[in-house]
Amino acid sequence: MLQLLRDSFKIRKYRRIEGFLAIQEAAALYHYSSLLGPGSVVVEIGSWKGRSTYCIAQGLRNGVIHAIDPFDASGEVGSARKYQEKKGNTNLIDQFNQNLRMHIARGAVQVWQGLSRDYAGTFGRIDMLFIDGSHALEDCLFDFEGYSPAVKVGGYVMFHDYYRDREDLGPTWVVQNRLVGSKGWSLIGQYGSLIAFMKTENSA
C-alpha cells in the first residue's frame, strides 16, 4: 500500500490526461514499467488520449513504447457510443500527441495508427504487453494470442477491465480461459480492474 501511494504521487499529473484509468491501475503500470531493464520494449494496445502511455513512460527508464490505436473512437458494442461522446472536437491522434509533448518526461513512444491485427509480429521481443484495446472476445483473444508469444520469460502481460463476474468481456474471458491455471503464466497482482501476469515459460 505504501509503495502504491508513492507511485501514485510520482504520476499525479496523469489526471490531466482524459481517460478511463483509475489511480491504482495507473500506479501499477508505472510500477511494473519501472522494473524493466535497459532497452526494454513495451507494447500498448489501446492508447486513447495517452493516460496509460504517460504512466508507462514515466516508469520506463530506458526503452521504447509502441502505442497501437486506430485513434478513431471506434470500439466494441457497448463502448463505441461512449468513445464518440468523449472524443472531443480535435482529432484523437492530435490530442494523444499533444498530451505526450506536454506530460511525458522520459521514455520514447512510437505511435502505430491502426488495429492491433495490423502489427502483430512487428516488434520482436516484448518485455511488457498491456492489452486495453477492443474488449470484444474475438479481438481480445487475438491480442493475447497474436502478441504474447513474443513476451520474454520474466516479462509481463496486463489486461485492463478485468471483472471476474463479467465473462462476456474479452479481458475476463481470456484471463480465465488462457492464463489462470496455465503453467506458462503466474498471477502477480490485481489493481482495480487491471490484472498482471508474469511469463514463466515459453509455450511448446
Protein backbone atom coordinates (compact mmCIF):
# COMPACT_ATOMS: atom_id res chain seq x y z
CA MET A 1 0.00 0.00 0.00
CA LEU A 2 2.83 2.41 0.85
CA GLN A 3 4.53 1.68 -2.49
CA LEU A 4 1.23 2.31 -4.29
CA LEU A 5 0.94 5.70 -2.61
CA ARG A 6 4.50 6.58 -3.57
CA ASP A 7 3.95 5.55 -7.18
CA SER A 8 0.65 7.40 -7.44
CA PHE A 9 2.38 10.59 -6.28
CA LYS A 10 5.06 10.21 -8.95
CA ILE A 11 2.43 10.07 -11.70
CA ARG A 12 -0.02 12.58 -10.21
CA LYS A 13 -0.11 14.56 -13.47
CA TYR A 14 -1.82 11.61 -15.15
CA ARG A 15 -5.15 13.14 -14.09
CA ARG A 16 -4.57 15.95 -16.59
CA ILE A 17 -4.98 13.45 -19.43
CA GLU A 18 -8.54 12.33 -20.08
CA GLY A 19 -9.02 8.60 -19.86
CA PHE A 20 -10.53 5.61 -18.08
CA LEU A 21 -7.62 4.54 -15.85
CA ALA A 22 -8.12 4.64 -12.07
CA ILE A 23 -5.26 5.70 -9.80
CA GLN A 24 -4.34 2.21 -8.55
CA GLU A 25 -4.30 0.96 -12.16
CA ALA A 26 -2.15 3.89 -13.25
CA ALA A 27 0.28 3.30 -10.37
CA ALA A 28 0.57 -0.40 -11.31
CA LEU A 29 1.52 0.48 -14.90
CA TYR A 30 4.13 2.88 -13.59
CA HIS A 31 5.47 0.35 -11.08
CA TYR A 32 5.94 -2.56 -13.47
CA SER A 33 7.41 -0.44 -16.24
CA SER A 34 9.92 0.92 -13.69
CA LEU A 35 11.16 -2.65 -13.12
CA LEU A 36 12.13 -3.13 -16.77
CA GLY A 37 15.78 -3.08 -17.76
CA PRO A 38 17.66 -1.03 -20.36
CA GLY A 39 16.45 -1.30 -23.94
CA SER A 40 13.07 -2.69 -22.96
CA VAL A 41 10.17 -2.96 -25.40
CA VAL A 42 6.64 -2.19 -24.26
CA VAL A 43 3.62 -2.75 -26.48
CA GLU A 44 0.42 -0.96 -25.54
CA ILE A 45 -2.75 -2.00 -27.39
CA GLY A 46 -5.30 0.78 -26.92
CA SER A 47 -3.94 4.23 -26.09
CA TRP A 48 -6.95 6.60 -26.36
CA LYS A 49 -5.61 10.04 -25.34
CA GLY A 50 -2.40 8.83 -23.69
CA ARG A 51 -3.19 8.45 -19.99
CA SER A 52 -1.83 4.91 -19.74
CA THR A 53 1.02 5.75 -22.12
CA TYR A 54 2.08 8.55 -19.79
CA CYS A 55 2.13 6.24 -16.77
CA ILE A 56 4.22 3.62 -18.55
CA ALA A 57 6.63 6.22 -19.94
CA GLN A 58 7.18 7.82 -16.55
CA GLY A 59 8.30 4.48 -15.16
CA LEU A 60 10.32 3.30 -18.15
CA ARG A 61 13.95 4.25 -17.60
CA ASN A 62 15.29 3.18 -20.96
CA GLY A 63 13.38 1.67 -23.83
CA VAL A 64 10.53 2.22 -26.25
CA ILE A 65 6.74 2.09 -26.03
CA HIS A 66 4.88 1.02 -29.15
CA ALA A 67 1.42 2.57 -28.79
CA ILE A 68 -1.21 1.00 -31.07
CA ASP A 69 -4.61 2.60 -31.58
CA PRO A 70 -6.88 3.42 -34.54
CA PHE A 71 -7.47 6.86 -32.98
CA ASP A 72 -10.98 6.95 -34.46
CA ALA A 73 -13.08 6.49 -31.29
CA SER A 74 -14.25 3.10 -32.55
CA GLY A 75 -14.93 0.27 -30.16
CA GLU A 76 -16.88 -2.86 -29.46
CA VAL A 77 -20.66 -2.86 -28.98
CA GLY A 78 -21.42 -1.13 -25.69
CA SER A 79 -18.39 1.15 -25.71
CA ALA A 80 -18.33 2.87 -29.10
CA ARG A 81 -21.04 5.37 -28.16
CA LYS A 82 -19.14 6.41 -25.02
CA TYR A 83 -15.95 6.89 -27.04
CA GLN A 84 -17.76 9.00 -29.61
CA GLU A 85 -19.22 11.20 -26.86
CA LYS A 86 -15.83 11.75 -25.23
CA LYS A 87 -13.54 12.08 -28.23
CA GLY A 88 -13.80 15.89 -28.40
CA ASN A 89 -13.59 18.15 -31.43
CA THR A 90 -9.90 17.62 -32.16
CA ASN A 91 -8.57 14.50 -33.90
CA LEU A 92 -7.73 11.88 -31.29
CA ILE A 93 -4.22 11.30 -32.59
CA ASP A 94 -3.55 15.04 -32.32
CA GLN A 95 -4.79 15.01 -28.73
CA PHE A 96 -2.59 12.00 -27.99
CA ASN A 97 0.50 13.64 -29.47
CA GLN A 98 -0.18 16.89 -27.65
CA ASN A 99 -0.50 15.07 -24.33
CA LEU A 100 2.80 13.31 -24.96
CA ARG A 101 4.55 16.61 -25.64
CA MET A 102 3.09 18.21 -22.53
CA HIS A 103 3.44 15.43 -19.99
CA ILE A 104 5.95 12.72 -20.89
CA ALA A 105 9.34 13.48 -19.41
CA ARG A 106 11.11 10.17 -20.09
CA GLY A 107 10.87 7.26 -22.46
CA ALA A 108 10.44 7.05 -26.19
CA VAL A 109 7.00 6.48 -27.72
CA GLN A 110 6.36 5.26 -31.25
CA VAL A 111 2.79 5.63 -32.46
CA TRP A 112 1.19 2.99 -34.69
CA GLN A 113 -2.17 4.14 -36.00
CA GLY A 114 -4.38 1.20 -36.88
CA LEU A 115 -5.67 -2.05 -35.44
CA SER A 116 -3.56 -4.46 -33.43
CA ARG A 117 -4.08 -7.03 -36.20
CA ASP A 118 -2.07 -4.78 -38.49
CA TYR A 119 1.11 -5.01 -36.41
CA ALA A 120 1.27 -8.46 -34.80
CA GLY A 121 4.79 -9.83 -35.14
CA THR A 122 6.29 -6.40 -35.82
CA PHE A 123 8.18 -5.67 -32.61
CA GLY A 124 10.34 -8.71 -31.87
CA ARG A 125 10.89 -9.47 -28.20
CA ILE A 126 8.42 -7.77 -25.83
CA ASP A 127 9.19 -7.05 -22.18
CA MET A 128 5.73 -5.77 -21.22
CA LEU A 129 2.40 -6.12 -23.04
CA PHE A 130 -0.56 -4.01 -21.99
CA ILE A 131 -3.86 -5.07 -23.58
CA ASP A 132 -6.58 -2.43 -23.46
CA GLY A 133 -7.99 -2.38 -26.98
CA SER A 134 -11.33 -3.78 -28.13
CA HIS A 135 -12.97 -5.79 -25.36
CA ALA A 136 -14.87 -8.00 -27.80
CA LEU A 137 -13.89 -11.59 -27.05
CA GLU A 138 -12.54 -12.31 -30.53
CA ASP A 139 -10.42 -9.15 -30.58
CA CYS A 140 -9.03 -9.55 -27.07
CA LEU A 141 -8.18 -13.19 -27.75
CA PHE A 142 -6.33 -12.15 -30.89
CA ASP A 143 -4.37 -9.53 -28.95
CA PHE A 144 -3.25 -12.13 -26.44
CA GLU A 145 -2.51 -14.93 -28.89
CA GLY A 146 -1.02 -12.60 -31.50
CA TYR A 147 1.38 -10.79 -29.17
CA SER A 148 2.02 -12.85 -26.02
CA PRO A 149 4.31 -15.41 -27.71
CA ALA A 150 6.80 -12.55 -28.16
CA VAL A 151 6.77 -11.69 -24.45
CA LYS A 152 10.03 -12.87 -22.94
CA VAL A 153 10.20 -15.20 -19.95
CA GLY A 154 10.12 -12.90 -16.93
CA GLY A 155 8.15 -10.31 -18.87
CA TYR A 156 4.66 -9.06 -18.14
CA VAL A 157 1.23 -9.13 -19.73
CA MET A 158 -1.52 -6.95 -18.31
CA PHE A 159 -5.19 -6.53 -19.08
CA HIS A 160 -7.42 -3.57 -18.27
CA ASP A 161 -11.12 -4.02 -17.45
CA TYR A 162 -10.90 -7.48 -15.95
CA TYR A 163 -14.04 -8.20 -13.93
CA ARG A 164 -14.30 -11.72 -12.58
CA ASP A 165 -18.11 -11.81 -12.85
CA ARG A 166 -18.18 -10.48 -16.46
CA GLU A 167 -17.04 -13.36 -18.65
CA ASP A 168 -18.85 -11.72 -21.55
CA LEU A 169 -15.95 -9.23 -21.59
CA GLY A 170 -12.95 -10.21 -23.65
CA PRO A 171 -10.34 -9.46 -20.97
CA THR A 172 -12.18 -11.55 -18.38
CA TRP A 173 -12.70 -14.50 -20.74
CA VAL A 174 -9.09 -14.52 -21.92
CA VAL A 175 -7.67 -14.26 -18.41
CA GLN A 176 -9.87 -17.03 -17.03
CA ASN A 177 -9.51 -19.36 -20.00
CA ARG A 178 -5.95 -18.75 -21.19
CA LEU A 179 -3.92 -17.56 -18.19
CA VAL A 180 -5.44 -18.70 -14.90
CA GLY A 181 -4.08 -22.14 -14.15
CA SER A 182 -1.65 -22.05 -17.07
CA LYS A 183 1.84 -23.28 -16.29
CA GLY A 184 3.26 -20.58 -18.57
CA TRP A 185 1.86 -17.62 -16.63
CA SER A 186 1.88 -16.58 -12.98
CA LEU A 187 -0.55 -14.07 -11.49
CA ILE A 188 1.41 -11.28 -9.80
CA GLY A 189 -1.32 -8.84 -8.86
CA GLN A 190 -4.65 -7.15 -9.43
CA TYR A 191 -5.10 -3.41 -9.07
CA GLY A 192 -8.67 -2.27 -9.56
CA SER A 193 -9.65 -3.78 -12.91
CA LEU A 194 -6.02 -4.13 -14.06
CA ILE A 195 -4.66 -7.65 -13.71
CA ALA A 196 -0.99 -8.53 -14.22
CA PHE A 197 0.80 -11.80 -15.03
CA MET A 198 4.46 -12.77 -15.41
CA LYS A 199 5.52 -15.17 -18.13
CA THR A 200 7.22 -18.15 -16.52
CA GLU A 201 7.99 -20.26 -19.58
CA ASN A 202 7.52 -20.32 -23.32
CA SER A 203 4.79 -22.43 -24.88
CA ALA A 204 5.83 -25.62 -26.55
